[in-house]
Amino acid sequence: MSNLEERSHGEVAAYREGWRAGLVLGAVAVAVAAFINLLSMEKSILAIVLALIAIRGAGPGQTRFRGRLALAIAAVHLAVAATVFILFHDKLERLFSLLQSLG
């Protein structure tokens, strides 16, 4: 990024928009992948961080829409995971104790 000062304003804006688009696509991918493993709440948190970084400074368009989509998917995943933990905490404790006895 040291040679960004030598580039025109349009090139710098295109570079930054491409960077944001890459971040937001990564955020969407991580948020969707978090649903595969329900206990992987750290992936949803990572998706939220990536989406917020991508949205910050982005103009209206696909980047902002995809960032909000990633935020929504990650938030729904965190809510579902929290609900599962609350509703099935006794069964999860038993599962963890059985897994411990195996190891």
N, C-alpha and C. Protein backbone atom coordinates (compact mmCIF):
# COMPACT_ATOMS: atom_id res chain seq x y z
N MET A 1 0.81 -1.19 0.00
CA MET A 1 0.00 0.00 0.00
C MET A 1 0.85 1.26 0.00
N SER A 2 2.17 1.12 0.03
CA SER A 2 3.01 2.30 0.05
C SER A 2 2.94 3.06 -1.27
N ASN A 3 2.64 2.38 -2.37
CA ASN A 3 2.57 3.07 -3.64
C ASN A 3 1.17 3.58 -3.97
N LEU A 4 0.26 3.54 -3.03
CA LEU A 4 -1.09 4.07 -3.26
C LEU A 4 -1.07 5.58 -3.42
N GLU A 5 -0.09 6.25 -2.82
CA GLU A 5 0.00 7.70 -2.94
C GLU A 5 0.30 8.11 -4.37
N GLU A 6 0.97 7.24 -5.14
CA GLU A 6 1.34 7.54 -6.52
C GLU A 6 0.19 7.31 -7.48
N ARG A 7 -0.85 6.64 -7.08
CA ARG A 7 -1.97 6.30 -7.94
C ARG A 7 -3.00 7.43 -7.96
N SER A 8 -3.86 7.38 -8.96
CA SER A 8 -4.91 8.38 -9.05
C SER A 8 -5.98 8.08 -8.02
N HIS A 9 -6.82 9.06 -7.79
CA HIS A 9 -7.89 8.90 -6.80
C HIS A 9 -8.83 7.77 -7.20
N GLY A 10 -9.12 7.64 -8.49
CA GLY A 10 -10.02 6.58 -8.97
C GLY A 10 -9.44 5.20 -8.74
N GLU A 11 -8.13 5.05 -8.95
CA GLU A 11 -7.49 3.76 -8.73
C GLU A 11 -7.49 3.39 -7.26
N VAL A 12 -7.25 4.37 -6.40
CA VAL A 12 -7.26 4.12 -4.95
C VAL A 12 -8.65 3.73 -4.50
N ALA A 13 -9.67 4.43 -5.01
CA ALA A 13 -11.06 4.10 -4.64
C ALA A 13 -11.43 2.70 -5.13
N ALA A 14 -11.00 2.34 -6.33
CA ALA A 14 -11.29 1.00 -6.85
C ALA A 14 -10.58 -0.06 -6.03
N TYR A 15 -9.34 0.20 -5.64
CA TYR A 15 -8.60 -0.74 -4.81
C TYR A 15 -9.30 -0.96 -3.47
N ARG A 16 -9.70 0.12 -2.85
CA ARG A 16 -10.36 0.00 -1.54
C ARG A 16 -11.72 -0.67 -1.66
N GLU A 17 -12.45 -0.40 -2.74
CA GLU A 17 -13.75 -1.05 -2.94
C GLU A 17 -13.56 -2.55 -3.17
N GLY A 18 -12.52 -2.91 -3.92
CA GLY A 18 -12.22 -4.33 -4.11
C GLY A 18 -11.82 -5.00 -2.82
N TRP A 19 -11.07 -4.29 -1.99
CA TRP A 19 -10.66 -4.82 -0.68
C TRP A 19 -11.89 -5.05 0.19
N ARG A 20 -12.80 -4.08 0.20
CA ARG A 20 -14.03 -4.23 0.99
C ARG A 20 -14.88 -5.37 0.45
N ALA A 21 -14.96 -5.50 -0.86
CA ALA A 21 -15.75 -6.58 -1.46
C ALA A 21 -15.18 -7.94 -1.07
N GLY A 22 -13.87 -8.06 -1.05
CA GLY A 22 -13.25 -9.31 -0.61
C GLY A 22 -13.54 -9.61 0.85
N LEU A 23 -13.46 -8.59 1.69
CA LEU A 23 -13.76 -8.79 3.11
C LEU A 23 -15.20 -9.21 3.32
N VAL A 24 -16.11 -8.56 2.62
CA VAL A 24 -17.52 -8.87 2.85
C VAL A 24 -17.86 -10.26 2.31
N LEU A 25 -17.25 -10.67 1.21
CA LEU A 25 -17.50 -12.04 0.73
C LEU A 25 -16.94 -13.06 1.71
N GLY A 26 -15.80 -12.76 2.30
CA GLY A 26 -15.26 -13.63 3.34
C GLY A 26 -16.19 -13.69 4.54
N ALA A 27 -16.76 -12.55 4.90
CA ALA A 27 -17.69 -12.52 6.03
C ALA A 27 -18.93 -13.35 5.77
N VAL A 28 -19.47 -13.26 4.56
CA VAL A 28 -20.65 -14.05 4.21
C VAL A 28 -20.30 -15.54 4.24
N ALA A 29 -19.15 -15.89 3.68
CA ALA A 29 -18.74 -17.30 3.65
C ALA A 29 -18.55 -17.86 5.05
N VAL A 30 -17.92 -17.09 5.92
CA VAL A 30 -17.70 -17.55 7.30
C VAL A 30 -19.02 -17.65 8.05
N ALA A 31 -19.92 -16.70 7.83
CA ALA A 31 -21.21 -16.73 8.52
C ALA A 31 -22.02 -17.94 8.09
N VAL A 32 -22.01 -18.27 6.81
CA VAL A 32 -22.74 -19.44 6.33
C VAL A 32 -22.08 -20.71 6.85
N ALA A 33 -20.75 -20.75 6.85
CA ALA A 33 -20.04 -21.94 7.33
C ALA A 33 -20.27 -22.18 8.81
N ALA A 34 -20.57 -21.14 9.56
CA ALA A 34 -20.80 -21.30 10.99
C ALA A 34 -22.04 -22.16 11.26
N PHE A 35 -23.01 -22.15 10.35
CA PHE A 35 -24.20 -22.97 10.54
C PHE A 35 -23.93 -24.45 10.39
N ILE A 36 -22.85 -24.80 9.72
CA ILE A 36 -22.52 -26.22 9.55
C ILE A 36 -22.20 -26.85 10.90
N ASN A 37 -21.48 -26.14 11.71
CA ASN A 37 -21.13 -26.61 13.06
C ASN A 37 -21.77 -25.63 14.03
N LEU A 38 -22.84 -26.03 14.66
CA LEU A 38 -23.61 -25.12 15.50
C LEU A 38 -22.80 -24.55 16.66
N LEU A 39 -21.83 -25.29 17.14
CA LEU A 39 -21.08 -24.83 18.30
C LEU A 39 -19.95 -23.87 17.94
N SER A 40 -19.83 -23.50 16.70
CA SER A 40 -18.72 -22.65 16.27
C SER A 40 -19.11 -21.18 16.27
N MET A 41 -19.39 -20.66 17.43
CA MET A 41 -19.80 -19.27 17.54
C MET A 41 -18.67 -18.30 17.23
N GLU A 42 -17.42 -18.76 17.35
CA GLU A 42 -16.30 -17.87 17.04
C GLU A 42 -16.30 -17.50 15.55
N LYS A 43 -16.81 -18.36 14.70
CA LYS A 43 -16.89 -18.04 13.27
C LYS A 43 -17.90 -16.92 13.04
N SER A 44 -18.98 -16.93 13.75
CA SER A 44 -19.96 -15.85 13.61
C SER A 44 -19.41 -14.53 14.10
N ILE A 45 -18.65 -14.59 15.17
CA ILE A 45 -18.03 -13.36 15.68
C ILE A 45 -17.02 -12.83 14.67
N LEU A 46 -16.24 -13.72 14.06
CA LEU A 46 -15.30 -13.31 13.02
C LEU A 46 -16.04 -12.72 11.83
N ALA A 47 -17.15 -13.32 11.44
CA ALA A 47 -17.94 -12.79 10.33
C ALA A 47 -18.47 -11.39 10.64
N ILE A 48 -18.89 -11.16 11.87
CA ILE A 48 -19.38 -9.84 12.28
C ILE A 48 -18.25 -8.82 12.19
N VAL A 49 -17.08 -9.17 12.67
CA VAL A 49 -15.93 -8.25 12.62
C VAL A 49 -15.57 -7.92 11.18
N LEU A 50 -15.47 -8.95 10.33
CA LEU A 50 -15.13 -8.72 8.92
C LEU A 50 -16.19 -7.86 8.23
N ALA A 51 -17.45 -8.12 8.50
CA ALA A 51 -18.52 -7.35 7.87
C ALA A 51 -18.49 -5.90 8.32
N LEU A 52 -18.25 -5.66 9.60
CA LEU A 52 -18.20 -4.28 10.09
C LEU A 52 -17.02 -3.53 9.49
N ILE A 53 -15.89 -4.19 9.33
CA ILE A 53 -14.73 -3.55 8.70
C ILE A 53 -15.05 -3.22 7.25
N ALA A 54 -15.71 -4.14 6.56
CA ALA A 54 -16.03 -3.92 5.14
C ALA A 54 -17.08 -2.84 4.96
N ILE A 55 -18.05 -2.78 5.84
CA ILE A 55 -19.13 -1.80 5.72
C ILE A 55 -18.63 -0.39 6.02
N ARG A 56 -17.71 -0.28 6.95
CA ARG A 56 -17.21 1.04 7.34
C ARG A 56 -16.58 1.73 6.14
N GLY A 57 -17.14 2.81 5.73
CA GLY A 57 -16.63 3.58 4.63
C GLY A 57 -17.13 3.15 3.27
N ALA A 58 -17.90 2.08 3.20
CA ALA A 58 -18.42 1.61 1.91
C ALA A 58 -19.63 2.45 1.51
N GLY A 59 -19.71 2.73 0.25
CA GLY A 59 -20.86 3.45 -0.26
C GLY A 59 -22.04 2.51 -0.46
N PRO A 60 -23.16 3.05 -0.90
CA PRO A 60 -24.31 2.19 -1.16
C PRO A 60 -24.01 1.24 -2.31
N GLY A 61 -24.52 0.03 -2.20
CA GLY A 61 -24.29 -0.93 -3.27
C GLY A 61 -24.16 -2.34 -2.72
N GLN A 62 -23.54 -3.19 -3.53
CA GLN A 62 -23.43 -4.61 -3.20
C GLN A 62 -22.62 -4.84 -1.93
N THR A 63 -21.55 -4.09 -1.73
CA THR A 63 -20.71 -4.31 -0.55
C THR A 63 -21.50 -4.09 0.73
N ARG A 64 -22.22 -3.01 0.79
CA ARG A 64 -23.01 -2.71 1.99
C ARG A 64 -24.12 -3.75 2.17
N PHE A 65 -24.78 -4.16 1.08
CA PHE A 65 -25.83 -5.17 1.17
C PHE A 65 -25.27 -6.50 1.66
N ARG A 66 -24.16 -6.93 1.08
CA ARG A 66 -23.56 -8.20 1.50
C ARG A 66 -23.04 -8.13 2.94
N GLY A 67 -22.54 -6.98 3.34
CA GLY A 67 -22.11 -6.82 4.72
C GLY A 67 -23.27 -6.96 5.69
N ARG A 68 -24.37 -6.35 5.35
CA ARG A 68 -25.56 -6.48 6.20
C ARG A 68 -26.08 -7.91 6.19
N LEU A 69 -25.99 -8.58 5.04
CA LEU A 69 -26.39 -9.98 4.96
C LEU A 69 -25.52 -10.84 5.87
N ALA A 70 -24.21 -10.61 5.84
CA ALA A 70 -23.30 -11.36 6.71
C ALA A 70 -23.61 -11.08 8.18
N LEU A 71 -23.88 -9.81 8.51
CA LEU A 71 -24.25 -9.47 9.89
C LEU A 71 -25.52 -10.19 10.32
N ALA A 72 -26.51 -10.23 9.44
CA ALA A 72 -27.78 -10.88 9.77
C ALA A 72 -27.59 -12.38 9.96
N ILE A 73 -26.86 -13.02 9.06
CA ILE A 73 -26.65 -14.46 9.18
C ILE A 73 -25.90 -14.78 10.46
N ALA A 74 -24.86 -14.01 10.76
CA ALA A 74 -24.07 -14.26 11.97
C ALA A 74 -24.90 -14.01 13.23
N ALA A 75 -25.71 -12.96 13.22
CA ALA A 75 -26.55 -12.68 14.39
C ALA A 75 -27.59 -13.78 14.60
N VAL A 76 -28.18 -14.26 13.52
CA VAL A 76 -29.15 -15.36 13.65
C VAL A 76 -28.46 -16.60 14.19
N HIS A 77 -27.25 -16.88 13.69
CA HIS A 77 -26.52 -18.05 14.18
C HIS A 77 -26.23 -17.92 15.67
N LEU A 78 -25.77 -16.75 16.11
CA LEU A 78 -25.49 -16.57 17.54
C LEU A 78 -26.77 -16.73 18.36
N ALA A 79 -27.88 -16.22 17.86
CA ALA A 79 -29.15 -16.36 18.59
C ALA A 79 -29.59 -17.82 18.66
N VAL A 80 -29.45 -18.55 17.55
CA VAL A 80 -29.83 -19.97 17.55
C VAL A 80 -28.93 -20.76 18.50
N ALA A 81 -27.63 -20.50 18.45
CA ALA A 81 -26.70 -21.21 19.33
C ALA A 81 -26.99 -20.91 20.79
N ALA A 82 -27.27 -19.65 21.11
CA ALA A 82 -27.60 -19.30 22.49
C ALA A 82 -28.88 -19.98 22.94
N THR A 83 -29.87 -20.03 22.06
CA THR A 83 -31.13 -20.71 22.38
C THR A 83 -30.91 -22.20 22.62
N VAL A 84 -30.09 -22.82 21.78
CA VAL A 84 -29.80 -24.25 21.96
C VAL A 84 -29.09 -24.48 23.29
N PHE A 85 -28.13 -23.62 23.61
CA PHE A 85 -27.44 -23.77 24.89
C PHE A 85 -28.38 -23.61 26.07
N ILE A 86 -29.29 -22.67 25.98
CA ILE A 86 -30.22 -22.44 27.08
C ILE A 86 -31.22 -23.60 27.21
N LEU A 87 -31.78 -24.02 26.09
CA LEU A 87 -32.81 -25.06 26.14
C LEU A 87 -32.26 -26.45 26.44
N PHE A 88 -31.07 -26.73 25.97
CA PHE A 88 -30.53 -28.08 26.10
C PHE A 88 -29.26 -28.14 26.93
N HIS A 89 -29.11 -27.24 27.90
CA HIS A 89 -27.87 -27.21 28.69
C HIS A 89 -27.66 -28.50 29.48
N ASP A 90 -28.74 -29.11 29.97
CA ASP A 90 -28.58 -30.35 30.72
C ASP A 90 -28.11 -31.50 29.83
N LYS A 91 -28.64 -31.57 28.63
CA LYS A 91 -28.21 -32.61 27.69
C LYS A 91 -26.79 -32.36 27.19
N LEU A 92 -26.44 -31.10 27.03
CA LEU A 92 -25.08 -30.78 26.61
C LEU A 92 -24.06 -31.13 27.70
N GLU A 93 -24.43 -30.89 28.96
CA GLU A 93 -23.55 -31.28 30.07
C GLU A 93 -23.33 -32.79 30.08
N ARG A 94 -24.39 -33.52 29.86
CA ARG A 94 -24.27 -34.99 29.83
C ARG A 94 -23.41 -35.44 28.64
N LEU A 95 -23.61 -34.81 27.49
CA LEU A 95 -22.80 -35.13 26.32
C LEU A 95 -21.33 -34.88 26.59
N PHE A 96 -21.01 -33.75 27.18
CA PHE A 96 -19.61 -33.43 27.47
C PHE A 96 -19.01 -34.39 28.49
N SER A 97 -19.79 -34.80 29.48
CA SER A 97 -19.27 -35.76 30.46
C SER A 97 -19.04 -37.12 29.81
N LEU A 98 -19.94 -37.53 28.90
CA LEU A 98 -19.74 -38.79 28.19
C LEU A 98 -18.51 -38.73 27.26
N LEU A 99 -18.33 -37.59 26.62
CA LEU A 99 -17.16 -37.43 25.76
C LEU A 99 -15.87 -37.44 26.60
N GLN A 100 -15.93 -36.85 27.78
CA GLN A 100 -14.76 -36.88 28.67
C GLN A 100 -14.42 -38.28 29.11
N SER A 101 -15.44 -39.08 29.37
CA SER A 101 -15.19 -40.45 29.82
C SER A 101 -14.58 -41.29 28.69
N LEU A 102 -14.85 -40.95 27.46
CA LEU A 102 -14.25 -41.66 26.33
C LEU A 102 -12.75 -41.38 26.22
N GLY A 103 -12.36 -40.15 26.52
CA GLY A 103 -10.96 -39.74 26.34
C GLY A 103 -10.18 -40.02 27.56
